[in-house]
Amino acid sequence: MLSIIIMNYKNPPLLRLCLKSLKRVLPGSFPHEVIVVDAQASLETEHVVTEEFPSVRYLPFKENVGYTRGMNEGMKSAGGDVLFIANPDIIPLPGSLEKMYRYLQGHRDIGLLGPQLLNFDGSQQQSCFRFYTPATVLYRRTLLGRLPFAKKTLDRFLMKDRNLTAATPADWLMGSALMVSRQALDTVGLMDENLFLYMSDVDWPRRFWENGYQVLFYPPAAMYHYHRRDSRGKLSVLDIFFNRQTRWHIADGVRYFRKYGLGQLTYIP
């Protein structure tokens, strides 16, 4: 059985759209369950789930528990042999979840599998990467990223040297939509709750690699993604003072580098 875990935070309209899409694309003959974890739950979100989608299991939290803890609570409650974790801004295309499920079941050396994410105009989003270095973070957040040497570093980070139209190993995958086998999860463990919102989708794949599992970008399965970069505002370095998501991102980045150090690492050539 496939357990689908949706992590929601104050977004009833997108959650409704996501749940409708799941109901539309998943045949009743395909064994699955859907769990919605709701951080800082509201009555509106509760009504969306319990009244419009009564078969969905609803796990509300009064406070904002963060992405990492919320996903962990959802995974703890899941009963499937394969788990799909996603944000509510994901709209799977027909057949995508079944393709991922079958591929993961047939390749026991793969721990994490990520689909191709698409903008609503059909263009591809970047969702697979090599690991961060402090320089990568600096180049992505400042004007230094426009310099030739920085562009070379960023191109490598974005895996522009790889054919991303075929299944490709990646250091890490965007956490907006990930599929994991129960077997691998039991070996690697849940996400690190020291990371509140960001960097958990960098830390977790790293632990899969460390435990002998591959992390694979899998473009044959595609999903639409309404991708908002809330942590990147319009004020550059001043965002740290005016953008709460920026502060969360920086804090989680510091925790990540404190955990692993500042050295460069990649599990793919």
C-alpha atoms as a PDB file:
ATOM      1  CA  MET A   1       0.000   0.000   0.000  1.00  0.00           C
ATOM      2  CA  LEU A   2       1.064   3.571  -0.712  1.00  0.00           C
ATOM      3  CA  SER A   3       0.749   6.108   2.107  1.00  0.00           C
ATOM      4  CA  ILE A   4       0.432   9.696   0.833  1.00  0.00           C
ATOM      5  CA  ILE A   5       1.305  12.326   3.430  1.00  0.00           C
ATOM      6  CA  ILE A   6       0.491  15.978   2.737  1.00  0.00           C
ATOM      7  CA  MET A   7       2.036  18.646   4.969  1.00  0.00           C
ATOM      8  CA  ASN A   8      -0.238  21.698   5.080  1.00  0.00           C
ATOM      9  CA  TYR A   9       0.344  25.116   6.617  1.00  0.00           C
ATOM     10  CA  LYS A  10      -2.416  27.722   6.308  1.00  0.00           C
ATOM     11  CA  ASN A  11      -3.315  26.939   2.704  1.00  0.00           C
ATOM     12  CA  PRO A  12      -6.835  25.478   2.399  1.00  0.00           C
ATOM     13  CA  PRO A  13      -7.314  26.364  -1.319  1.00  0.00           C
ATOM     14  CA  LEU A  14      -4.117  24.609  -2.444  1.00  0.00           C
ATOM     15  CA  LEU A  15      -4.824  21.669  -0.146  1.00  0.00           C
ATOM     16  CA  ARG A  16      -8.289  21.263  -1.675  1.00  0.00           C
ATOM     17  CA  LEU A  17      -6.788  21.341  -5.178  1.00  0.00           C
ATOM     18  CA  CYS A  18      -4.141  18.774  -4.208  1.00  0.00           C
ATOM     19  CA  LEU A  19      -6.665  16.386  -2.647  1.00  0.00           C
ATOM     20  CA  LYS A  20      -8.974  16.726  -5.646  1.00  0.00           C
ATOM     21  CA  SER A  21      -6.111  15.890  -7.986  1.00  0.00           C
ATOM     22  CA  LEU A  22      -5.177  12.807  -5.952  1.00  0.00           C
ATOM     23  CA  LYS A  23      -8.769  11.621  -6.028  1.00  0.00           C
ATOM     24  CA  ARG A  24      -8.871  12.160  -9.786  1.00  0.00           C
ATOM     25  CA  VAL A  25      -5.595  10.471 -10.770  1.00  0.00           C
ATOM     26  CA  LEU A  26      -5.479   7.512  -8.377  1.00  0.00           C
ATOM     27  CA  PRO A  27      -7.705   4.566  -9.343  1.00  0.00           C
ATOM     28  CA  GLY A  28      -9.696   2.939  -6.563  1.00  0.00           C
ATOM     29  CA  SER A  29      -8.002  -0.366  -7.383  1.00  0.00           C
ATOM     30  CA  PHE A  30      -4.610   1.049  -6.359  1.00  0.00           C
ATOM     31  CA  PRO A  31      -4.214   0.499  -2.603  1.00  0.00           C
ATOM     32  CA  HIS A  32      -3.459   3.776  -0.878  1.00  0.00           C
ATOM     33  CA  GLU A  33      -4.225   6.036   2.058  1.00  0.00           C
ATOM     34  CA  VAL A  34      -4.041   9.819   2.323  1.00  0.00           C
ATOM     35  CA  ILE A  35      -2.960  11.612   5.500  1.00  0.00           C
ATOM     36  CA  VAL A  36      -3.059  15.403   5.929  1.00  0.00           C
ATOM     37  CA  VAL A  37      -0.827  16.876   8.629  1.00  0.00           C
ATOM     38  CA  ASP A  38      -2.012  20.394   9.426  1.00  0.00           C
ATOM     39  CA  ALA A  39       0.386  22.759  11.213  1.00  0.00           C
ATOM     40  CA  GLN A  40      -1.339  25.561  13.133  1.00  0.00           C
ATOM     41  CA  ALA A  41      -4.666  24.152  12.051  1.00  0.00           C
ATOM     42  CA  SER A  42      -7.679  26.306  11.225  1.00  0.00           C
ATOM     43  CA  LEU A  43     -11.384  25.495  11.119  1.00  0.00           C
ATOM     44  CA  GLU A  44     -11.392  26.212   7.381  1.00  0.00           C
ATOM     45  CA  THR A  45      -8.737  23.583   6.703  1.00  0.00           C
ATOM     46  CA  GLU A  46     -10.457  21.106   9.006  1.00  0.00           C
ATOM     47  CA  HIS A  47     -13.717  21.563   7.093  1.00  0.00           C
ATOM     48  CA  VAL A  48     -11.968  21.102   3.743  1.00  0.00           C
ATOM     49  CA  VAL A  49     -10.586  17.744   4.842  1.00  0.00           C
ATOM     50  CA  THR A  50     -13.324  16.294   7.026  1.00  0.00           C
ATOM     51  CA  GLU A  51     -16.333  17.449   4.998  1.00  0.00           C
ATOM     52  CA  GLU A  52     -15.061  17.287   1.413  1.00  0.00           C
ATOM     53  CA  PHE A  53     -12.662  14.336   1.726  1.00  0.00           C
ATOM     54  CA  PRO A  54     -13.963  12.133   4.569  1.00  0.00           C
ATOM     55  CA  SER A  55     -11.709   9.209   3.635  1.00  0.00           C
ATOM     56  CA  VAL A  56      -8.594  11.318   4.294  1.00  0.00           C
ATOM     57  CA  ARG A  57      -7.001  10.987   7.736  1.00  0.00           C
ATOM     58  CA  TYR A  58      -6.537  14.375   9.410  1.00  0.00           C
ATOM     59  CA  LEU A  59      -3.727  15.114  11.902  1.00  0.00           C
ATOM     60  CA  PRO A  60      -4.087  18.719  13.168  1.00  0.00           C
ATOM     61  CA  PHE A  61      -1.631  20.624  15.371  1.00  0.00           C
ATOM     62  CA  LYS A  62      -2.537  23.800  17.255  1.00  0.00           C
ATOM     63  CA  GLU A  63       0.921  25.305  16.796  1.00  0.00           C
ATOM     64  CA  ASN A  64       3.252  25.573  13.812  1.00  0.00           C
ATOM     65  CA  VAL A  65       5.302  22.432  14.393  1.00  0.00           C
ATOM     66  CA  GLY A  66       7.372  22.988  11.254  1.00  0.00           C
ATOM     67  CA  TYR A  67       7.777  20.922   8.109  1.00  0.00           C
ATOM     68  CA  THR A  68      10.179  18.390   9.587  1.00  0.00           C
ATOM     69  CA  ARG A  69       8.246  17.411  12.695  1.00  0.00           C
ATOM     70  CA  GLY A  70       4.966  17.474  10.795  1.00  0.00           C
ATOM     71  CA  MET A  71       6.238  15.097   8.144  1.00  0.00           C
ATOM     72  CA  ASN A  72       7.713  12.848  10.817  1.00  0.00           C
ATOM     73  CA  GLU A  73       4.371  12.629  12.620  1.00  0.00           C
ATOM     74  CA  GLY A  74       2.674  11.779   9.346  1.00  0.00           C
ATOM     75  CA  MET A  75       5.209   9.071   8.542  1.00  0.00           C
ATOM     76  CA  LYS A  76       4.855   7.593  12.028  1.00  0.00           C
ATOM     77  CA  SER A  77       1.123   7.200  11.512  1.00  0.00           C
ATOM     78  CA  ALA A  78       1.383   5.778   7.971  1.00  0.00           C
ATOM     79  CA  GLY A  79       0.733   2.109   7.306  1.00  0.00           C
ATOM     80  CA  GLY A  80       2.094   1.720   3.774  1.00  0.00           C
ATOM     81  CA  ASP A  81       5.153  -0.182   2.599  1.00  0.00           C
ATOM     82  CA  VAL A  82       5.938   2.878   0.465  1.00  0.00           C
ATOM     83  CA  LEU A  83       5.388   6.497   1.538  1.00  0.00           C
ATOM     84  CA  PHE A  84       4.918   9.572  -0.629  1.00  0.00           C
ATOM     85  CA  ILE A  85       5.439  12.882   1.168  1.00  0.00           C
ATOM     86  CA  ALA A  86       4.398  16.133  -0.443  1.00  0.00           C
ATOM     87  CA  ASN A  87       3.396  19.740   0.026  1.00  0.00           C
ATOM     88  CA  PRO A  88      -0.157  20.769  -0.890  1.00  0.00           C
ATOM     89  CA  ASP A  89       1.132  22.664  -3.938  1.00  0.00           C
ATOM     90  CA  ILE A  90       1.771  19.388  -5.790  1.00  0.00           C
ATOM     91  CA  ILE A  91      -0.590  18.202  -8.546  1.00  0.00           C
ATOM     92  CA  PRO A  92       0.369  14.692  -9.751  1.00  0.00           C
ATOM     93  CA  LEU A  93      -0.174  13.807 -13.389  1.00  0.00           C
ATOM     94  CA  PRO A  94      -2.116  10.598 -14.102  1.00  0.00           C
ATOM     95  CA  GLY A  95       0.018   7.497 -13.584  1.00  0.00           C
ATOM     96  CA  SER A  96       2.901   9.326 -11.902  1.00  0.00           C
ATOM     97  CA  LEU A  97       2.427   7.874  -8.419  1.00  0.00           C
ATOM     98  CA  GLU A  98       1.939   4.343  -9.736  1.00  0.00           C
ATOM     99  CA  LYS A  99       5.109   4.640 -11.863  1.00  0.00           C
ATOM    100  CA  MET A 100       7.137   5.759  -8.874  1.00  0.00           C
ATOM    101  CA  TYR A 101       5.679   3.055  -6.652  1.00  0.00           C
ATOM    102  CA  ARG A 102       6.463   0.282  -9.131  1.00  0.00           C
ATOM    103  CA  TYR A 103       9.960   1.601  -9.820  1.00  0.00           C
ATOM    104  CA  LEU A 104      10.801   1.846  -6.140  1.00  0.00           C
ATOM    105  CA  GLN A 105       9.448  -1.641  -5.481  1.00  0.00           C
ATOM    106  CA  GLY A 106      11.613  -3.012  -8.276  1.00  0.00           C
ATOM    107  CA  HIS A 107      14.826  -1.267  -7.170  1.00  0.00           C
ATOM    108  CA  ARG A 108      15.546  -2.026  -3.521  1.00  0.00           C
ATOM    109  CA  ASP A 109      18.848  -0.119  -3.644  1.00  0.00           C
ATOM    110  CA  ILE A 110      16.937   3.163  -4.058  1.00  0.00           C
ATOM    111  CA  GLY A 111      15.829   4.827  -0.842  1.00  0.00           C
ATOM    112  CA  LEU A 112      14.449   8.139  -2.109  1.00  0.00           C
ATOM    113  CA  LEU A 113      12.779   8.811  -5.444  1.00  0.00           C
ATOM    114  CA  GLY A 114      11.784  12.252  -6.722  1.00  0.00           C
ATOM    115  CA  PRO A 115       9.542  13.076  -9.718  1.00  0.00           C
ATOM    116  CA  GLN A 116      10.065  15.703 -12.372  1.00  0.00           C
ATOM    117  CA  LEU A 117       8.420  18.911 -11.157  1.00  0.00           C
ATOM    118  CA  LEU A 118       6.748  21.160 -13.703  1.00  0.00           C
ATOM    119  CA  ASN A 119       5.571  24.745 -13.816  1.00  0.00           C
ATOM    120  CA  PHE A 120       1.990  25.159 -14.954  1.00  0.00           C
ATOM    121  CA  ASP A 121       3.205  26.212 -18.404  1.00  0.00           C
ATOM    122  CA  GLY A 122       4.839  22.782 -18.744  1.00  0.00           C
ATOM    123  CA  SER A 123       8.424  23.959 -18.258  1.00  0.00           C
ATOM    124  CA  GLN A 124      10.662  21.935 -15.949  1.00  0.00           C
ATOM    125  CA  GLN A 125      11.602  23.131 -12.478  1.00  0.00           C
ATOM    126  CA  GLN A 126      15.010  22.406 -11.018  1.00  0.00           C
ATOM    127  CA  SER A 127      14.448  19.807  -8.296  1.00  0.00           C
ATOM    128  CA  CYS A 128      17.674  17.770  -8.118  1.00  0.00           C
ATOM    129  CA  PHE A 129      21.010  19.076  -6.888  1.00  0.00           C
ATOM    130  CA  ARG A 130      24.507  18.427  -5.640  1.00  0.00           C
ATOM    131  CA  PHE A 131      25.116  19.264  -1.999  1.00  0.00           C
ATOM    132  CA  TYR A 132      25.438  22.847  -0.822  1.00  0.00           C
ATOM    133  CA  THR A 133      28.674  24.489   0.150  1.00  0.00           C
ATOM    134  CA  PRO A 134      28.823  27.881   1.920  1.00  0.00           C
ATOM    135  CA  ALA A 135      29.973  29.367  -1.394  1.00  0.00           C
ATOM    136  CA  THR A 136      26.907  27.971  -3.167  1.00  0.00           C
ATOM    137  CA  VAL A 137      24.614  29.610  -0.633  1.00  0.00           C
ATOM    138  CA  LEU A 138      26.471  32.924  -0.960  1.00  0.00           C
ATOM    139  CA  TYR A 139      26.370  32.904  -4.764  1.00  0.00           C
ATOM    140  CA  ARG A 140      22.657  32.065  -4.855  1.00  0.00           C
ATOM    141  CA  ARG A 141      21.717  34.884  -2.486  1.00  0.00           C
ATOM    142  CA  THR A 142      23.988  37.732  -3.634  1.00  0.00           C
ATOM    143  CA  LEU A 143      25.093  39.494  -6.799  1.00  0.00           C
ATOM    144  CA  LEU A 144      28.300  37.449  -6.714  1.00  0.00           C
ATOM    145  CA  GLY A 145      26.315  34.712  -8.450  1.00  0.00           C
ATOM    146  CA  ARG A 146      26.542  36.684 -11.698  1.00  0.00           C
ATOM    147  CA  LEU A 147      30.321  36.396 -11.866  1.00  0.00           C
ATOM    148  CA  PRO A 148      31.797  33.755 -14.233  1.00  0.00           C
ATOM    149  CA  PHE A 149      33.506  31.669 -11.547  1.00  0.00           C
ATOM    150  CA  ALA A 150      30.333  31.679  -9.456  1.00  0.00           C
ATOM    151  CA  LYS A 151      28.185  30.643 -12.426  1.00  0.00           C
ATOM    152  CA  LYS A 152      30.447  27.636 -12.947  1.00  0.00           C
ATOM    153  CA  THR A 153      29.956  26.606  -9.311  1.00  0.00           C
ATOM    154  CA  LEU A 154      26.197  27.118  -9.532  1.00  0.00           C
ATOM    155  CA  ASP A 155      25.935  25.144 -12.784  1.00  0.00           C
ATOM    156  CA  ARG A 156      27.572  22.202 -11.053  1.00  0.00           C
ATOM    157  CA  PHE A 157      25.259  22.592  -8.051  1.00  0.00           C
ATOM    158  CA  LEU A 158      22.279  22.560 -10.451  1.00  0.00           C
ATOM    159  CA  MET A 159      23.620  19.436 -12.193  1.00  0.00           C
ATOM    160  CA  LYS A 160      23.725  21.099 -15.596  1.00  0.00           C
ATOM    161  CA  ASP A 161      26.403  18.583 -16.612  1.00  0.00           C
ATOM    162  CA  ARG A 162      23.835  15.761 -16.402  1.00  0.00           C
ATOM    163  CA  ASN A 163      21.084  14.527 -18.699  1.00  0.00           C
ATOM    164  CA  LEU A 164      18.008  15.336 -16.642  1.00  0.00           C
ATOM    165  CA  THR A 165      15.578  13.744 -19.083  1.00  0.00           C
ATOM    166  CA  ALA A 166      16.488  10.275 -17.766  1.00  0.00           C
ATOM    167  CA  ALA A 167      16.604   8.702 -14.308  1.00  0.00           C
ATOM    168  CA  THR A 168      19.644  10.268 -12.630  1.00  0.00           C
ATOM    169  CA  PRO A 169      21.260   9.915  -9.186  1.00  0.00           C
ATOM    170  CA  ALA A 170      21.344  13.200  -7.259  1.00  0.00           C
ATOM    171  CA  ASP A 171      22.870  14.252  -3.957  1.00  0.00           C
ATOM    172  CA  TRP A 172      19.495  15.590  -2.845  1.00  0.00           C
ATOM    173  CA  LEU A 173      16.009  16.262  -4.162  1.00  0.00           C
ATOM    174  CA  MET A 174      13.542  19.041  -3.487  1.00  0.00           C
ATOM    175  CA  GLY A 175      11.370  17.965  -0.561  1.00  0.00           C
ATOM    176  CA  SER A 176       8.113  19.122  -2.179  1.00  0.00           C
ATOM    177  CA  ALA A 177       7.467  15.578  -3.458  1.00  0.00           C
ATOM    178  CA  LEU A 178       9.447  12.495  -2.421  1.00  0.00           C
ATOM    179  CA  MET A 179       8.778   8.771  -2.321  1.00  0.00           C
ATOM    180  CA  VAL A 180      10.542   6.503   0.185  1.00  0.00           C
ATOM    181  CA  SER A 181      10.407   2.780   0.837  1.00  0.00           C
ATOM    182  CA  ARG A 182       9.485   1.589   4.316  1.00  0.00           C
ATOM    183  CA  GLN A 183      12.536  -0.681   4.308  1.00  0.00           C
ATOM    184  CA  ALA A 184      14.900   2.241   3.693  1.00  0.00           C
ATOM    185  CA  LEU A 185      13.049   4.477   6.155  1.00  0.00           C
ATOM    186  CA  ASP A 186      13.398   1.904   8.906  1.00  0.00           C
ATOM    187  CA  THR A 187      17.156   1.811   8.268  1.00  0.00           C
ATOM    188  CA  VAL A 188      17.820   5.544   7.870  1.00  0.00           C
ATOM    189  CA  GLY A 189      15.259   6.938  10.307  1.00  0.00           C
ATOM    190  CA  LEU A 190      12.983   9.955  10.218  1.00  0.00           C
ATOM    191  CA  MET A 191      13.979  13.527   9.395  1.00  0.00           C
ATOM    192  CA  ASP A 192      16.194  15.498  11.779  1.00  0.00           C
ATOM    193  CA  GLU A 193      13.824  17.652  13.843  1.00  0.00           C
ATOM    194  CA  ASN A 194      16.642  20.044  14.721  1.00  0.00           C
ATOM    195  CA  LEU A 195      15.904  21.427  11.252  1.00  0.00           C
ATOM    196  CA  PHE A 196      12.595  23.275  11.484  1.00  0.00           C
ATOM    197  CA  LEU A 197      11.614  23.940   7.880  1.00  0.00           C
ATOM    198  CA  TYR A 198      14.550  24.138   5.481  1.00  0.00           C
ATOM    199  CA  MET A 199      17.556  21.882   4.777  1.00  0.00           C
ATOM    200  CA  SER A 200      15.784  18.724   5.966  1.00  0.00           C
ATOM    201  CA  ASP A 201      15.467  17.736   2.294  1.00  0.00           C
ATOM    202  CA  VAL A 202      19.267  18.123   2.062  1.00  0.00           C
ATOM    203  CA  ASP A 203      20.106  16.384   5.330  1.00  0.00           C
ATOM    204  CA  TRP A 204      17.772  13.402   4.840  1.00  0.00           C
ATOM    205  CA  PRO A 205      19.080  12.316   1.398  1.00  0.00           C
ATOM    206  CA  ARG A 206      22.617  12.625   2.722  1.00  0.00           C
ATOM    207  CA  ARG A 207      21.760  10.058   5.392  1.00  0.00           C
ATOM    208  CA  PHE A 208      20.266   7.746   2.764  1.00  0.00           C
ATOM    209  CA  TRP A 209      23.525   7.863   0.812  1.00  0.00           C
ATOM    210  CA  GLU A 210      25.483   7.259   4.022  1.00  0.00           C
ATOM    211  CA  ASN A 211      23.391   4.141   4.677  1.00  0.00           C
ATOM    212  CA  GLY A 212      23.998   2.657   1.230  1.00  0.00           C
ATOM    213  CA  TYR A 213      20.792   3.790  -0.523  1.00  0.00           C
ATOM    214  CA  GLN A 214      20.646   5.747  -3.760  1.00  0.00           C
ATOM    215  CA  VAL A 215      18.734   8.992  -4.176  1.00  0.00           C
ATOM    216  CA  LEU A 216      17.246   9.167  -7.665  1.00  0.00           C
ATOM    217  CA  PHE A 217      15.622  11.876  -9.777  1.00  0.00           C
ATOM    218  CA  TYR A 218      12.953  10.102 -11.858  1.00  0.00           C
ATOM    219  CA  PRO A 219      11.543  12.252 -14.708  1.00  0.00           C
ATOM    220  CA  PRO A 220       9.231   9.559 -16.188  1.00  0.00           C
ATOM    221  CA  ALA A 221       6.920  10.564 -13.322  1.00  0.00           C
ATOM    222  CA  ALA A 222       5.868  14.210 -13.551  1.00  0.00           C
ATOM    223  CA  MET A 223       3.879  16.521 -11.306  1.00  0.00           C
ATOM    224  CA  TYR A 224       2.886  20.160 -11.394  1.00  0.00           C
ATOM    225  CA  HIS A 225       4.320  22.270  -8.581  1.00  0.00           C
ATOM    226  CA  TYR A 226       3.189  25.734  -7.582  1.00  0.00           C
ATOM    227  CA  HIS A 227       6.654  26.761  -6.423  1.00  0.00           C
ATOM    228  CA  ARG A 228       6.874  29.886  -4.287  1.00  0.00           C
ATOM    229  CA  ARG A 229      10.278  30.794  -2.891  1.00  0.00           C
ATOM    230  CA  ASP A 230       9.082  32.389   0.327  1.00  0.00           C
ATOM    231  CA  SER A 231      12.563  32.516   1.823  1.00  0.00           C
ATOM    232  CA  ARG A 232      13.884  34.627  -1.055  1.00  0.00           C
ATOM    233  CA  GLY A 233      12.456  38.115  -0.830  1.00  0.00           C
ATOM    234  CA  LYS A 234      13.260  41.224  -2.810  1.00  0.00           C
ATOM    235  CA  LEU A 235      15.606  42.958  -0.385  1.00  0.00           C
ATOM    236  CA  SER A 236      18.707  40.748  -0.708  1.00  0.00           C
ATOM    237  CA  VAL A 237      20.708  40.769   2.542  1.00  0.00           C
ATOM    238  CA  LEU A 238      18.028  42.929   4.201  1.00  0.00           C
ATOM    239  CA  ASP A 239      15.593  40.015   3.950  1.00  0.00           C
ATOM    240  CA  ILE A 240      17.083  38.667   7.177  1.00  0.00           C
ATOM    241  CA  PHE A 241      15.420  41.591   8.990  1.00  0.00           C
ATOM    242  CA  PHE A 242      12.085  41.669   7.159  1.00  0.00           C
ATOM    243  CA  ASN A 243      11.397  38.115   5.915  1.00  0.00           C
ATOM    244  CA  ARG A 244      10.634  35.453   8.519  1.00  0.00           C
ATOM    245  CA  GLN A 245      11.182  32.621   6.012  1.00  0.00           C
ATOM    246  CA  THR A 246      14.639  34.009   5.240  1.00  0.00           C
ATOM    247  CA  ARG A 247      15.525  33.913   8.932  1.00  0.00           C
ATOM    248  CA  TRP A 248      14.255  30.320   9.199  1.00  0.00           C
ATOM    249  CA  HIS A 249      16.283  29.361   6.130  1.00  0.00           C
ATOM    250  CA  ILE A 250      19.473  30.901   7.489  1.00  0.00           C
ATOM    251  CA  ALA A 251      18.984  29.334  10.925  1.00  0.00           C
ATOM    252  CA  ASP A 252      18.444  25.875   9.431  1.00  0.00           C
ATOM    253  CA  GLY A 253      21.429  26.390   7.131  1.00  0.00           C
ATOM    254  CA  VAL A 254      23.644  27.178  10.110  1.00  0.00           C
ATOM    255  CA  ARG A 255      22.405  24.033  11.893  1.00  0.00           C
ATOM    256  CA  TYR A 256      23.081  21.948   8.774  1.00  0.00           C
ATOM    257  CA  PHE A 257      26.666  23.178   8.326  1.00  0.00           C
ATOM    258  CA  ARG A 258      27.302  22.895  12.046  1.00  0.00           C
ATOM    259  CA  LYS A 259      26.244  19.247  11.798  1.00  0.00           C
ATOM    260  CA  TYR A 260      28.344  18.352   8.745  1.00  0.00           C
ATOM    261  CA  GLY A 261      31.071  20.972   8.544  1.00  0.00           C
ATOM    262  CA  LEU A 262      31.953  23.287   5.665  1.00  0.00           C
ATOM    263  CA  GLY A 263      33.727  20.816   3.381  1.00  0.00           C
ATOM    264  CA  GLN A 264      32.505  19.950  -0.089  1.00  0.00           C
ATOM    265  CA  LEU A 265      30.874  16.557  -0.594  1.00  0.00           C
ATOM    266  CA  THR A 266      29.070  14.811  -3.425  1.00  0.00           C
ATOM    267  CA  TYR A 267      27.930  11.224  -3.904  1.00  0.00           C
ATOM    268  CA  ILE A 268      27.764  11.658  -7.682  1.00  0.00           C
ATOM    269  CA  PRO A 269      30.811  12.420  -9.874  1.00  0.00           C
END
